[in-house]
Amino acid sequence: MSSETSKFHEAKKAAAVLKHAVLDRYVTPFASKTGSTSKDQRVAFIDGYAGPGRYDDGAEGSGAMLLRKAKELASMSSPRQVECHFVENDPATAARLQEVANDEGVGVTYTITDGNVSKHLPVLLDAVEEIPVFVYLDPCGLPIPFDQVAAIFARPSGPGTPPTEVLINLTAHLRRFAGMLYSDKAIENSLKTADSAFGGEWWRAAWLEKCPTKHANEDAKKAAELAVVEGYAQRLRDKAGGLGTWIIDVKPRANLRPVYYLVFATRSIHGMVAFGEAASKGLEQWRKHIAEQDAQDDLFGAAADWEADWKVEEAKLKTQWIDALTKRLVDELAKGEAFRIIDRAEEVLGSDLVGAVRGLHLRQAIKNALSAGATTTDPKGVDDLYTLLLTPA
């Protein structure tokens, strides 16, 4: 194990808190929904870069989390039989994961494979071909080749077929590879590695369109980075033949640039809605973690008040988001056509609210639009607000 990898597993950073919070919030609804109609209520999770299971400070990694979730889901009144398949390329890290699984995986069906996920993923997909599967790919560097990610969606689709979903970490280290595009001595083998990860050379032009010179400002670099991530998501969506993708930019602090992006792909509208809820709750947990960390770093005794202050800030965000949603809904309703939020996501959620808001915010915004006389639709008793048809008054 490299020293860099060792340090990575010492303690959970804010960015890791977010990705694990989103995963934690999504595992249960995915398994509950898809397992209700699957063979023997079986559901599979494949963790392609599993890590040691727990960080050195005892905090849960994805391995410990999935084992815990499997137990929780097995004990529900309508139990789900969750299978956890872990792949870890570093032998020492895989050994640590095995120790965690020995202690915490009793009663859970799991496998731990010491090796490269590129080699073992096809075998695992064959093993779970008849049941729903969620594949989590969280590499420290570039992900496995795009064609291998797309191949996950080679599983059958359509009514009666087991659902397939993917959550992948696209590293923001893309900048290091993009920097070679400005050099007369570019390392072509390295660029080809990036080409493989992103599914072709298209990303080079996408980057250069937004950031044509190495002296471009930070805004241009952010735009270039996002253009590549969005292009990747679009290509994965096309390969999956699916409904859509979610992109979450994962930051160490709200005012800092992303350290990586999470791209979620599904063929199901239910998956899109459930993941949106998970993303919103995960971001809330991330903000709480940062507030606590900031308080602990405060030298003037503010730590005792951090949670109260955080709740005040969350209340402000809630008000801001609902006000913004209400205005956007009213504007869309003014066009005179009935619509669903899921079909007007760009207009209603935009890039600022997607993943941040969830059902409780949408519900209040629809109520506000109803009270304002902009719609005749009442959200009372409706669970899925994204697909609720909003009718102009």
Protein backbone atom coordinates (compact mmCIF):
# COMPACT_ATOMS: atom_id res chain seq x y z
CA MET A 1 0.00 0.00 0.00
CA SER A 2 1.36 3.42 -0.93
CA SER A 3 1.85 6.07 1.74
CA GLU A 4 -0.75 8.19 -0.06
CA THR A 5 -3.33 5.41 0.19
CA SER A 6 -2.45 4.84 3.84
CA LYS A 7 -3.09 8.47 4.67
CA PHE A 8 -6.35 8.35 2.75
CA HIS A 9 -7.68 5.71 5.15
CA GLU A 10 -6.52 7.36 8.38
CA ALA A 11 -9.63 9.46 9.02
CA LYS A 12 -12.76 10.43 7.14
CA LYS A 13 -12.54 13.87 5.52
CA ALA A 14 -15.51 16.12 4.80
CA ALA A 15 -15.69 15.00 1.15
CA ALA A 16 -15.81 11.35 2.25
CA VAL A 17 -18.53 12.22 4.76
CA LEU A 18 -20.69 13.45 1.89
CA LYS A 19 -20.26 10.47 -0.44
CA HIS A 20 -20.85 8.00 2.38
CA ALA A 21 -23.85 9.96 3.66
CA VAL A 22 -25.43 9.84 0.20
CA LEU A 23 -24.70 6.11 -0.11
CA ASP A 24 -26.01 5.45 3.40
CA ARG A 25 -29.27 7.27 2.62
CA TYR A 26 -29.78 5.48 -0.69
CA VAL A 27 -29.01 1.84 0.12
CA THR A 28 -32.23 1.24 2.05
CA PRO A 29 -34.70 2.72 -0.47
CA PHE A 30 -32.93 0.98 -3.36
CA ALA A 31 -32.98 -2.43 -1.68
CA SER A 32 -36.50 -1.98 -0.31
CA LYS A 33 -38.00 -0.94 -3.64
CA THR A 34 -36.17 -3.27 -6.01
CA GLY A 35 -36.12 -6.21 -3.61
CA SER A 36 -39.91 -6.24 -3.29
CA THR A 37 -40.24 -8.01 -6.65
CA SER A 38 -36.84 -9.70 -7.02
CA LYS A 39 -36.14 -13.40 -6.77
CA ASP A 40 -36.21 -14.38 -3.06
CA GLN A 41 -36.08 -10.63 -2.29
CA ARG A 42 -32.37 -10.69 -3.16
CA VAL A 43 -30.46 -7.49 -3.93
CA ALA A 44 -26.74 -7.12 -4.70
CA PHE A 45 -24.27 -4.34 -4.00
CA ILE A 46 -20.86 -4.38 -5.70
CA ASP A 47 -18.21 -2.15 -4.17
CA GLY A 48 -15.40 -2.04 -6.70
CA TYR A 49 -12.85 -0.08 -4.66
CA ALA A 50 -13.85 -1.28 -1.24
CA GLY A 51 -11.00 -0.04 0.96
CA PRO A 52 -10.42 -1.35 4.49
CA GLY A 53 -14.05 -1.27 5.64
CA ARG A 54 -13.31 1.21 8.41
CA TYR A 55 -10.95 4.13 8.73
CA ASP A 56 -8.11 4.02 11.25
CA ASP A 57 -10.15 6.18 13.64
CA GLY A 58 -13.02 3.66 13.55
CA ALA A 59 -15.35 5.63 11.25
CA GLU A 60 -17.33 3.58 8.76
CA GLY A 61 -16.06 3.15 5.25
CA SER A 62 -18.29 1.79 2.53
CA GLY A 63 -17.57 -1.81 3.56
CA ALA A 64 -18.72 -1.52 7.16
CA MET A 65 -21.68 0.57 6.05
CA LEU A 66 -22.92 -1.98 3.51
CA LEU A 67 -22.55 -4.84 6.00
CA ARG A 68 -24.56 -2.84 8.55
CA LYS A 69 -27.22 -2.02 5.99
CA ALA A 70 -27.48 -5.66 4.97
CA LYS A 71 -28.25 -6.62 8.57
CA GLU A 72 -30.78 -3.82 8.96
CA LEU A 73 -32.58 -4.78 5.76
CA ALA A 74 -32.66 -8.46 6.74
CA SER A 75 -34.40 -7.57 10.02
CA MET A 76 -37.19 -5.48 8.49
CA SER A 77 -40.79 -6.66 8.62
CA SER A 78 -40.47 -7.25 4.87
CA PRO A 79 -36.86 -8.44 4.81
CA ARG A 80 -34.45 -8.04 1.94
CA GLN A 81 -31.58 -10.44 1.36
CA VAL A 82 -28.65 -8.17 0.55
CA GLU A 83 -25.48 -9.61 -0.97
CA CYS A 84 -22.30 -7.54 -0.64
CA HIS A 85 -19.49 -8.11 -3.11
CA PHE A 86 -16.28 -6.24 -2.32
CA VAL A 87 -13.26 -5.86 -4.59
CA GLU A 88 -10.01 -4.34 -3.33
CA ASN A 89 -6.80 -4.25 -5.33
CA ASP A 90 -4.36 -3.75 -2.44
CA PRO A 91 -3.73 -7.02 -0.55
CA ALA A 92 -3.05 -5.37 2.81
CA THR A 93 -6.20 -3.27 2.56
CA ALA A 94 -8.23 -6.31 1.52
CA ALA A 95 -6.91 -8.13 4.61
CA ARG A 96 -8.12 -5.27 6.83
CA LEU A 97 -11.52 -5.43 5.13
CA GLN A 98 -11.66 -9.17 5.81
CA GLU A 99 -11.10 -8.50 9.52
CA VAL A 100 -13.97 -6.01 9.54
CA ALA A 101 -16.20 -8.47 7.71
CA ASN A 102 -15.29 -11.27 10.16
CA ASP A 103 -16.42 -9.06 13.05
CA GLU A 104 -19.39 -7.28 11.48
CA GLY A 105 -20.60 -9.46 8.63
CA VAL A 106 -21.93 -12.44 10.56
CA GLY A 107 -25.15 -13.57 8.89
CA VAL A 108 -24.52 -11.48 5.77
CA THR A 109 -23.84 -12.99 2.35
CA TYR A 110 -20.64 -11.37 1.15
CA THR A 111 -17.52 -11.95 -0.92
CA ILE A 112 -14.14 -10.20 -0.76
CA THR A 113 -11.98 -10.35 -3.86
CA ASP A 114 -8.36 -9.27 -3.77
CA GLY A 115 -7.69 -7.92 -7.24
CA ASN A 116 -8.47 -5.37 -9.91
CA VAL A 117 -12.13 -4.54 -10.38
CA SER A 118 -11.69 -4.44 -14.17
CA LYS A 119 -10.93 -8.15 -14.11
CA HIS A 120 -13.52 -9.24 -11.56
CA LEU A 121 -16.51 -7.03 -12.34
CA PRO A 122 -17.79 -9.14 -15.28
CA VAL A 123 -17.68 -12.27 -13.13
CA LEU A 124 -19.61 -10.59 -10.32
CA LEU A 125 -22.21 -9.21 -12.72
CA ASP A 126 -22.75 -12.73 -14.08
CA ALA A 127 -23.22 -13.99 -10.51
CA VAL A 128 -26.03 -11.49 -9.83
CA GLU A 129 -27.56 -11.37 -13.30
CA GLU A 130 -31.04 -12.34 -12.07
CA ILE A 131 -31.35 -9.80 -9.25
CA PRO A 132 -31.17 -6.01 -8.81
CA VAL A 133 -27.64 -4.65 -8.57
CA PHE A 134 -26.11 -1.38 -7.46
CA VAL A 135 -22.47 -0.87 -8.45
CA TYR A 136 -20.38 1.60 -6.46
CA LEU A 137 -17.07 2.64 -8.04
CA ASP A 138 -14.98 4.94 -5.87
CA PRO A 139 -11.37 4.97 -7.12
CA CYS A 140 -8.64 7.24 -5.77
CA GLY A 141 -7.60 8.09 -9.34
CA LEU A 142 -9.20 7.67 -12.75
CA PRO A 143 -12.04 5.13 -12.89
CA ILE A 144 -12.02 1.92 -14.87
CA PRO A 145 -12.43 2.35 -18.65
CA PHE A 146 -15.73 3.86 -19.71
CA ASP A 147 -16.59 0.82 -21.83
CA GLN A 148 -16.42 -1.36 -18.72
CA VAL A 149 -18.72 0.98 -16.81
CA ALA A 150 -21.16 1.08 -19.72
CA ALA A 151 -21.06 -2.73 -19.88
CA ILE A 152 -22.74 -2.83 -16.47
CA PHE A 153 -25.87 -1.68 -18.29
CA ALA A 154 -25.62 -4.51 -20.80
CA ARG A 155 -27.95 -6.33 -18.42
CA PRO A 156 -31.52 -6.64 -19.75
CA SER A 157 -33.81 -3.65 -19.34
CA GLY A 158 -37.55 -3.18 -19.45
CA PRO A 159 -40.55 -4.45 -17.47
CA GLY A 160 -39.84 -7.50 -15.36
CA THR A 161 -36.05 -7.22 -15.55
CA PRO A 162 -33.88 -6.61 -12.48
CA PRO A 163 -32.87 -2.94 -12.02
CA THR A 164 -29.30 -1.82 -12.58
CA GLU A 165 -27.75 1.33 -11.09
CA VAL A 166 -24.27 2.82 -10.84
CA LEU A 167 -22.67 5.44 -8.61
CA ILE A 168 -19.19 6.44 -9.77
CA ASN A 169 -16.57 8.86 -8.49
CA LEU A 170 -15.04 10.97 -11.25
CA THR A 171 -11.88 12.43 -9.83
CA ALA A 172 -11.17 16.12 -10.14
CA HIS A 173 -7.52 15.10 -10.77
CA LEU A 174 -8.64 15.43 -14.35
CA ARG A 175 -6.82 18.79 -14.26
CA ARG A 176 -3.49 17.00 -14.14
CA PHE A 177 -4.27 15.14 -17.37
CA ALA A 178 -5.80 18.22 -18.99
CA GLY A 179 -2.60 20.14 -18.27
CA MET A 180 -0.83 17.92 -20.80
CA LEU A 181 -3.08 19.28 -23.55
CA TYR A 182 -1.10 22.52 -23.49
CA SER A 183 2.31 20.88 -23.73
CA ASP A 184 4.37 20.18 -26.84
CA LYS A 185 5.76 17.21 -24.93
CA ALA A 186 2.50 15.69 -23.78
CA ILE A 187 2.77 12.17 -22.46
CA GLU A 188 0.54 10.46 -24.97
CA ASN A 189 0.25 7.25 -22.95
CA SER A 190 -1.15 9.23 -20.03
CA LEU A 191 -3.61 11.02 -22.29
CA LYS A 192 -4.70 7.68 -23.72
CA THR A 193 -5.32 6.46 -20.17
CA ALA A 194 -7.70 9.38 -19.71
CA ASP A 195 -9.23 8.69 -23.14
CA SER A 196 -10.01 5.16 -21.98
CA ALA A 197 -11.52 6.34 -18.71
CA PHE A 198 -13.77 8.88 -20.41
CA GLY A 199 -14.67 6.83 -23.46
CA GLY A 200 -12.66 8.51 -26.21
CA GLU A 201 -10.81 11.68 -27.07
CA TRP A 202 -13.96 13.85 -26.93
CA TRP A 203 -13.03 15.11 -23.45
CA ARG A 204 -9.94 16.87 -24.83
CA ALA A 205 -12.03 19.15 -27.08
CA ALA A 206 -14.61 19.63 -24.33
CA TRP A 207 -11.89 20.83 -21.96
CA LEU A 208 -10.16 23.10 -24.46
CA GLU A 209 -13.43 24.72 -25.52
CA LYS A 210 -13.95 26.04 -21.98
CA CYS A 211 -10.28 26.44 -21.04
CA PRO A 212 -8.27 27.14 -24.22
CA THR A 213 -4.98 28.09 -22.53
CA LYS A 214 -3.09 26.97 -19.45
CA HIS A 215 -3.22 30.55 -18.20
CA ALA A 216 -7.05 30.56 -18.02
CA ASN A 217 -8.63 31.68 -14.75
CA GLU A 218 -10.21 29.42 -12.14
CA ASP A 219 -13.73 29.94 -13.49
CA ALA A 220 -12.63 28.64 -16.89
CA LYS A 221 -11.00 25.59 -15.31
CA LYS A 222 -14.15 24.83 -13.30
CA ALA A 223 -16.26 25.16 -16.44
CA ALA A 224 -13.95 22.84 -18.34
CA GLU A 225 -13.99 20.27 -15.57
CA LEU A 226 -17.77 20.30 -15.37
CA ALA A 227 -18.08 20.07 -19.17
CA VAL A 228 -16.11 16.82 -19.10
CA VAL A 229 -18.14 15.43 -16.18
CA GLU A 230 -21.42 16.34 -17.86
CA GLY A 231 -20.20 14.84 -21.13
CA TYR A 232 -19.31 11.62 -19.31
CA ALA A 233 -22.73 11.51 -17.65
CA GLN A 234 -24.49 12.06 -20.98
CA ARG A 235 -22.56 9.24 -22.63
CA LEU A 236 -23.25 6.91 -19.73
CA ARG A 237 -26.93 7.82 -19.89
CA ASP A 238 -26.99 7.04 -23.62
CA LYS A 239 -25.28 3.69 -23.08
CA ALA A 240 -27.64 2.79 -20.26
CA GLY A 241 -30.69 3.69 -22.30
CA GLY A 242 -31.84 5.20 -19.04
CA LEU A 243 -33.89 8.03 -17.75
CA GLY A 244 -31.10 10.22 -16.54
CA THR A 245 -28.16 10.90 -14.28
CA TRP A 246 -27.44 12.95 -11.17
CA ILE A 247 -24.17 14.78 -10.70
CA ILE A 248 -23.02 15.88 -7.24
CA ASP A 249 -19.92 18.03 -6.89
CA VAL A 250 -18.14 16.96 -3.72
CA LYS A 251 -16.24 19.71 -1.92
CA PRO A 252 -14.20 19.86 1.29
CA ARG A 253 -15.94 23.20 2.03
CA ALA A 254 -18.79 25.04 0.34
CA ASN A 255 -16.46 27.81 -0.87
CA LEU A 256 -13.81 25.47 -2.31
CA ARG A 257 -13.65 23.74 -5.67
CA PRO A 258 -14.78 20.11 -5.95
CA VAL A 259 -12.29 17.39 -5.18
CA TYR A 260 -14.37 14.98 -7.24
CA TYR A 261 -17.83 14.42 -8.69
CA LEU A 262 -20.34 11.66 -8.04
CA VAL A 263 -22.25 10.51 -11.10
CA PHE A 264 -25.36 8.39 -10.56
CA ALA A 265 -27.00 6.54 -13.43
CA THR A 266 -30.30 4.67 -13.48
CA ARG A 267 -32.97 3.54 -15.88
CA SER A 268 -35.77 4.19 -13.39
CA ILE A 269 -37.68 7.35 -12.58
CA HIS A 270 -38.11 5.93 -9.07
CA GLY A 271 -34.34 5.67 -8.80
CA MET A 272 -33.95 9.29 -9.87
CA VAL A 273 -36.44 10.48 -7.27
CA ALA A 274 -35.04 8.35 -4.45
CA PHE A 275 -31.46 9.35 -5.22
CA GLY A 276 -32.45 13.01 -5.21
CA GLU A 277 -33.81 12.57 -1.70
CA ALA A 278 -30.63 10.77 -0.63
CA ALA A 279 -28.44 13.50 -2.12
CA SER A 280 -30.33 16.21 -0.27
CA LYS A 281 -30.09 14.41 3.07
CA GLY A 282 -26.44 13.60 2.46
CA LEU A 283 -25.63 17.25 1.77
CA GLU A 284 -27.42 18.23 4.97
CA GLN A 285 -25.28 15.77 6.95
CA TRP A 286 -22.17 17.14 5.20
CA ARG A 287 -23.05 20.71 6.19
CA LYS A 288 -23.57 19.57 9.77
CA HIS A 289 -20.18 17.83 9.80
CA ILE A 290 -18.46 20.96 8.52
CA ALA A 291 -20.22 23.13 11.10
CA GLU A 292 -19.02 20.82 13.87
CA GLN A 293 -15.46 20.73 12.52
CA ASP A 294 -15.36 24.51 12.23
CA ALA A 295 -16.55 24.85 15.82
CA GLN A 296 -13.89 22.48 17.08
CA ASP A 297 -11.28 24.57 15.29
CA ASP A 298 -12.59 27.77 16.91
CA LEU A 299 -10.25 29.08 19.61
CA PHE A 300 -12.88 31.27 21.24
CA GLY A 301 -15.26 28.78 22.79
CA ALA A 302 -17.98 28.69 20.12
CA ALA A 303 -18.02 24.90 20.03
CA ALA A 304 -20.84 24.65 22.57
CA ASP A 305 -23.17 26.64 20.32
CA TRP A 306 -22.35 25.08 16.96
CA GLU A 307 -25.44 22.88 16.62
CA ALA A 308 -27.87 25.67 17.46
CA ASP A 309 -26.10 27.94 14.99
CA TRP A 310 -26.16 25.21 12.35
CA LYS A 311 -29.92 24.76 12.78
CA VAL A 312 -30.43 28.50 12.30
CA GLU A 313 -28.46 28.40 9.07
CA GLU A 314 -30.37 25.32 7.88
CA ALA A 315 -33.66 27.15 8.53
CA LYS A 316 -32.42 30.05 6.41
CA LEU A 317 -31.47 27.70 3.59
CA LYS A 318 -34.87 26.02 3.76
CA THR A 319 -36.65 29.37 3.43
CA GLN A 320 -34.43 30.46 0.55
CA TRP A 321 -34.91 27.21 -1.32
CA ILE A 322 -38.69 27.14 -0.89
CA ASP A 323 -38.98 30.75 -2.00
CA ALA A 324 -36.89 30.03 -5.09
CA LEU A 325 -38.87 26.87 -5.90
CA THR A 326 -42.18 28.67 -5.46
CA LYS A 327 -41.19 31.42 -7.89
CA ARG A 328 -39.98 28.92 -10.48
CA LEU A 329 -43.13 26.82 -10.18
CA VAL A 330 -45.33 29.88 -10.54
CA ASP A 331 -43.33 30.98 -13.59
CA GLU A 332 -43.73 27.57 -15.23
CA LEU A 333 -47.43 27.40 -14.41
CA ALA A 334 -47.89 30.83 -15.97
CA LYS A 335 -47.00 29.26 -19.33
CA GLY A 336 -50.42 27.61 -19.22
CA GLU A 337 -49.43 23.97 -19.58
CA ALA A 338 -49.59 21.18 -17.01
CA PHE A 339 -46.19 19.65 -16.23
CA ARG A 340 -44.25 17.37 -13.92
CA ILE A 341 -41.21 18.62 -12.05
CA ILE A 342 -39.17 15.64 -13.26
CA ASP A 343 -39.77 16.86 -16.83
CA ARG A 344 -38.87 20.48 -16.02
CA ALA A 345 -35.92 19.79 -13.75
CA GLU A 346 -33.71 22.37 -15.39
CA GLU A 347 -36.31 25.13 -15.08
CA VAL A 348 -37.46 24.26 -11.56
CA LEU A 349 -34.36 22.88 -9.87
CA GLY A 350 -31.60 24.36 -11.97
CA SER A 351 -27.96 23.69 -11.19
CA ASP A 352 -28.25 25.46 -7.83
CA LEU A 353 -31.02 23.38 -6.23
CA VAL A 354 -30.65 19.97 -7.86
CA GLY A 355 -29.54 17.51 -5.18
CA ALA A 356 -29.94 20.15 -2.49
CA VAL A 357 -33.74 20.20 -2.17
CA ARG A 358 -36.01 17.25 -1.52
CA GLY A 359 -39.67 16.38 -1.05
CA LEU A 360 -40.34 18.56 1.97
CA HIS A 361 -39.12 21.64 0.08
CA LEU A 362 -41.09 20.77 -3.05
CA ARG A 363 -44.25 20.11 -1.04
CA GLN A 364 -44.18 23.52 0.60
CA ALA A 365 -43.42 25.25 -2.70
CA ILE A 366 -46.40 23.54 -4.37
CA LYS A 367 -48.59 24.52 -1.41
CA ASN A 368 -47.41 28.10 -1.80
CA ALA A 369 -48.26 28.03 -5.51
CA LEU A 370 -51.68 26.62 -4.63
CA SER A 371 -52.29 29.36 -2.05
CA ALA A 372 -51.19 31.98 -4.58
CA GLY A 373 -53.80 30.72 -7.06
CA ALA A 374 -51.20 29.59 -9.60
CA THR A 375 -52.24 25.90 -9.57
CA THR A 376 -55.21 23.71 -8.73
CA THR A 377 -52.96 20.81 -7.71
CA ASP A 378 -52.86 19.92 -4.01
CA PRO A 379 -49.79 17.91 -2.93
CA LYS A 380 -51.49 16.59 0.23
CA GLY A 381 -51.00 12.84 0.59
CA VAL A 382 -48.77 12.56 -2.49
CA ASP A 383 -45.46 10.80 -1.91
CA ASP A 384 -43.78 11.30 -5.27
CA LEU A 385 -43.88 15.03 -5.92
CA TYR A 386 -41.45 14.89 -8.83
CA THR A 387 -43.99 13.05 -10.98
CA LEU A 388 -47.10 14.84 -9.70
CA LEU A 389 -48.87 16.63 -12.56
CA LEU A 390 -49.10 20.32 -11.73
CA THR A 391 -52.07 21.97 -13.43
CA PRO A 392 -52.31 25.72 -13.98
CA ALA A 393 -55.25 27.42 -12.28
